[in-house]
Each structure stands twice: as structure tokens, then as C-alpha cells.
Amino acid sequence: METRWVGPDGYEITAATRGGCQVLRLWRYGEFVTDCSAVDELRLYLDLADLCEVITVPFGVRSPRARTEALR
């Protein structure tokens, strides 16, 4: 399951591997911007406080909250 974060102005960050090292890959409106080796490098492009983690739920799996609401 891939972890990614999204922010304002079309920014998206995903984890990737480049040259055997983990990097944070920065995209904007679906186009590659840069690979950052440290979180501090991302600050040059956006305010990290504005990021939201996107959690992908596998198809067919409901969250506990959704199950509780379905029983009501």
C-alpha cells in the first residue's frame, strides 16, 4: 500500500527509491517536480502543515466507523 500526502495548489508527495536511497518524490498537478532526500527540502516548495495523508482503503473493506453507521 502506497503512502502519499497531498497539499494545496496541486502538490502531492510519495515515497520512492532512487539509487538505492529512499526519497520523497514531489509532484504538482500530476507532473514530477523533484526528489527530496530530506523533509526539510520539501519546505522550499510548500508549508508542511498544509499536508494531509491519503489513506487508501482496500476495495471491499469497510472502516469500523462505516460498519457502526451501517448498523444504525
N, C-alpha and C. Protein backbone atom coordinates (compact mmCIF):
# COMPACT_ATOMS: atom_id res chain seq x y z
N MET A 1 0.85 -1.17 0.00
CA MET A 1 0.00 0.00 0.00
C MET A 1 0.90 1.24 0.00
N GLU A 2 0.68 2.10 -0.93
CA GLU A 2 1.49 3.30 -1.09
C GLU A 2 1.00 4.41 -0.16
N THR A 3 1.95 5.07 0.49
CA THR A 3 1.61 6.21 1.33
C THR A 3 1.84 7.47 0.51
N ARG A 4 0.90 8.40 0.61
CA ARG A 4 1.08 9.67 -0.09
C ARG A 4 0.41 10.79 0.70
N TRP A 5 0.89 11.98 0.46
CA TRP A 5 0.36 13.17 1.10
C TRP A 5 -0.01 14.17 0.03
N VAL A 6 -1.08 14.90 0.25
CA VAL A 6 -1.50 15.93 -0.70
C VAL A 6 -1.58 17.26 0.03
N GLY A 7 -1.39 18.32 -0.73
CA GLY A 7 -1.45 19.67 -0.18
C GLY A 7 -2.14 20.60 -1.14
N PRO A 8 -2.20 21.85 -0.78
CA PRO A 8 -2.84 22.83 -1.65
C PRO A 8 -2.04 23.05 -2.94
N ASP A 9 -2.68 23.67 -3.89
CA ASP A 9 -2.03 24.03 -5.16
C ASP A 9 -1.54 22.83 -5.96
N GLY A 10 -2.21 21.67 -5.79
CA GLY A 10 -1.90 20.51 -6.61
C GLY A 10 -0.68 19.71 -6.21
N TYR A 11 -0.11 19.97 -5.04
CA TYR A 11 1.08 19.23 -4.61
C TYR A 11 0.72 17.84 -4.10
N GLU A 12 1.59 16.88 -4.40
CA GLU A 12 1.45 15.51 -3.91
C GLU A 12 2.83 14.96 -3.64
N ILE A 13 2.98 14.22 -2.55
CA ILE A 13 4.27 13.66 -2.17
C ILE A 13 4.10 12.15 -2.01
N THR A 14 5.02 11.40 -2.61
CA THR A 14 5.03 9.95 -2.46
C THR A 14 6.44 9.52 -2.07
N ALA A 15 6.53 8.36 -1.44
CA ALA A 15 7.83 7.78 -1.12
C ALA A 15 8.32 7.02 -2.34
N ALA A 16 9.61 7.10 -2.61
CA ALA A 16 10.19 6.41 -3.76
C ALA A 16 11.63 6.03 -3.43
N THR A 17 12.21 5.23 -4.29
CA THR A 17 13.62 4.85 -4.14
C THR A 17 14.38 5.31 -5.37
N ARG A 18 15.48 5.98 -5.14
CA ARG A 18 16.35 6.45 -6.23
C ARG A 18 17.79 6.11 -5.86
N GLY A 19 18.43 5.32 -6.70
CA GLY A 19 19.82 4.93 -6.44
C GLY A 19 19.99 4.17 -5.14
N GLY A 20 19.00 3.39 -4.76
CA GLY A 20 19.06 2.60 -3.53
C GLY A 20 18.74 3.39 -2.27
N CYS A 21 18.43 4.66 -2.40
CA CYS A 21 18.10 5.50 -1.25
C CYS A 21 16.64 5.94 -1.31
N GLN A 22 16.01 6.01 -0.15
CA GLN A 22 14.62 6.46 -0.11
C GLN A 22 14.56 7.98 -0.27
N VAL A 23 13.63 8.44 -1.10
CA VAL A 23 13.44 9.87 -1.34
C VAL A 23 11.95 10.18 -1.23
N LEU A 24 11.66 11.45 -1.09
CA LEU A 24 10.28 11.93 -1.12
C LEU A 24 10.08 12.59 -2.47
N ARG A 25 9.22 12.01 -3.28
CA ARG A 25 9.01 12.48 -4.66
C ARG A 25 7.88 13.51 -4.66
N LEU A 26 8.18 14.69 -5.16
CA LEU A 26 7.22 15.79 -5.18
C LEU A 26 6.64 15.95 -6.58
N TRP A 27 5.31 16.00 -6.63
CA TRP A 27 4.56 16.19 -7.87
C TRP A 27 3.70 17.43 -7.72
N ARG A 28 3.39 18.07 -8.82
CA ARG A 28 2.45 19.18 -8.80
C ARG A 28 1.55 19.06 -10.01
N TYR A 29 0.26 18.97 -9.77
CA TYR A 29 -0.73 18.76 -10.83
C TYR A 29 -0.35 17.58 -11.72
N GLY A 30 0.17 16.50 -11.09
CA GLY A 30 0.49 15.28 -11.82
C GLY A 30 1.82 15.29 -12.55
N GLU A 31 2.57 16.37 -12.47
CA GLU A 31 3.87 16.44 -13.13
C GLU A 31 4.99 16.41 -12.09
N PHE A 32 6.02 15.63 -12.39
CA PHE A 32 7.16 15.49 -11.49
C PHE A 32 7.85 16.84 -11.28
N VAL A 33 8.17 17.15 -10.01
CA VAL A 33 8.89 18.39 -9.70
C VAL A 33 10.32 18.05 -9.30
N THR A 34 10.49 17.25 -8.24
CA THR A 34 11.83 16.92 -7.76
C THR A 34 11.77 15.76 -6.78
N ASP A 35 12.93 15.16 -6.50
CA ASP A 35 13.09 14.19 -5.43
C ASP A 35 13.83 14.87 -4.29
N CYS A 36 13.31 14.73 -3.08
CA CYS A 36 13.93 15.34 -1.90
C CYS A 36 14.47 14.23 -1.00
N SER A 37 15.69 14.39 -0.54
CA SER A 37 16.28 13.38 0.33
C SER A 37 15.96 13.63 1.80
N ALA A 38 15.41 14.80 2.11
CA ALA A 38 15.05 15.13 3.49
C ALA A 38 13.76 15.96 3.50
N VAL A 39 13.04 15.85 4.59
CA VAL A 39 11.78 16.59 4.73
C VAL A 39 12.03 18.09 4.64
N ASP A 40 13.15 18.55 5.17
CA ASP A 40 13.45 19.99 5.13
C ASP A 40 13.51 20.54 3.70
N GLU A 41 13.90 19.71 2.76
CA GLU A 41 13.94 20.17 1.36
C GLU A 41 12.54 20.47 0.83
N LEU A 42 11.54 19.75 1.33
CA LEU A 42 10.16 19.98 0.88
C LEU A 42 9.66 21.37 1.28
N ARG A 43 10.20 21.90 2.39
CA ARG A 43 9.78 23.22 2.88
C ARG A 43 10.04 24.33 1.86
N LEU A 44 10.94 24.09 0.94
CA LEU A 44 11.22 25.09 -0.10
C LEU A 44 10.04 25.24 -1.06
N TYR A 45 9.19 24.22 -1.11
CA TYR A 45 8.09 24.20 -2.08
C TYR A 45 6.71 24.43 -1.45
N LEU A 46 6.51 23.98 -0.22
CA LEU A 46 5.19 24.10 0.40
C LEU A 46 5.30 24.07 1.91
N ASP A 47 4.23 24.52 2.56
CA ASP A 47 4.14 24.51 4.02
C ASP A 47 3.70 23.10 4.44
N LEU A 48 4.55 22.41 5.18
CA LEU A 48 4.27 21.02 5.55
C LEU A 48 3.03 20.89 6.43
N ALA A 49 2.65 21.94 7.13
CA ALA A 49 1.46 21.90 7.98
C ALA A 49 0.18 21.78 7.15
N ASP A 50 0.25 22.09 5.87
CA ASP A 50 -0.92 22.01 5.00
C ASP A 50 -1.13 20.63 4.39
N LEU A 51 -0.22 19.70 4.63
CA LEU A 51 -0.32 18.38 4.03
C LEU A 51 -1.32 17.49 4.75
N CYS A 52 -1.99 16.64 3.99
CA CYS A 52 -2.91 15.64 4.53
C CYS A 52 -2.50 14.28 3.98
N GLU A 53 -2.42 13.29 4.86
CA GLU A 53 -2.09 11.95 4.41
C GLU A 53 -3.32 11.32 3.77
N VAL A 54 -3.11 10.68 2.63
CA VAL A 54 -4.19 9.97 1.94
C VAL A 54 -4.06 8.50 2.32
N ILE A 55 -5.12 7.97 2.91
CA ILE A 55 -5.12 6.57 3.33
C ILE A 55 -6.00 5.80 2.36
N THR A 56 -5.40 4.85 1.67
CA THR A 56 -6.12 4.04 0.70
C THR A 56 -6.70 2.82 1.41
N VAL A 57 -7.99 2.67 1.31
CA VAL A 57 -8.66 1.52 1.92
C VAL A 57 -8.84 0.47 0.83
N PRO A 58 -8.39 -0.76 1.07
CA PRO A 58 -8.54 -1.80 0.06
C PRO A 58 -10.01 -1.99 -0.32
N PHE A 59 -10.26 -2.27 -1.57
CA PHE A 59 -11.61 -2.45 -2.09
C PHE A 59 -12.34 -3.52 -1.29
N GLY A 60 -13.56 -3.19 -0.89
CA GLY A 60 -14.40 -4.15 -0.18
C GLY A 60 -14.20 -4.18 1.31
N VAL A 61 -13.27 -3.40 1.83
CA VAL A 61 -13.02 -3.37 3.27
C VAL A 61 -13.61 -2.09 3.83
N ARG A 62 -14.45 -2.21 4.84
CA ARG A 62 -15.06 -1.04 5.46
C ARG A 62 -14.32 -0.70 6.75
N SER A 63 -14.31 0.56 7.06
CA SER A 63 -13.72 1.00 8.32
C SER A 63 -14.66 0.63 9.45
N PRO A 64 -14.16 0.52 10.70
CA PRO A 64 -15.04 0.22 11.83
C PRO A 64 -16.17 1.24 11.96
N ARG A 65 -15.89 2.51 11.67
CA ARG A 65 -16.91 3.54 11.76
C ARG A 65 -18.03 3.30 10.74
N ALA A 66 -17.64 2.92 9.51
CA ALA A 66 -18.64 2.67 8.47
C ALA A 66 -19.52 1.48 8.85
N ARG A 67 -18.92 0.46 9.49
CA ARG A 67 -19.72 -0.70 9.93
C ARG A 67 -20.71 -0.28 11.01
N THR A 68 -20.27 0.55 11.94
CA THR A 68 -21.15 1.01 13.02
C THR A 68 -22.30 1.83 12.47
N GLU A 69 -22.01 2.73 11.52
CA GLU A 69 -23.06 3.55 10.93
C GLU A 69 -24.02 2.73 10.10
N ALA A 70 -23.55 1.65 9.49
CA ALA A 70 -24.42 0.80 8.67
C ALA A 70 -25.41 0.04 9.55
N LEU A 71 -25.05 -0.20 10.80
CA LEU A 71 -25.94 -0.92 11.71
C LEU A 71 -27.06 -0.04 12.27
N ARG A 72 -26.94 1.25 12.14
CA ARG A 72 -27.95 2.17 12.69
C ARG A 72 -29.20 2.18 11.86
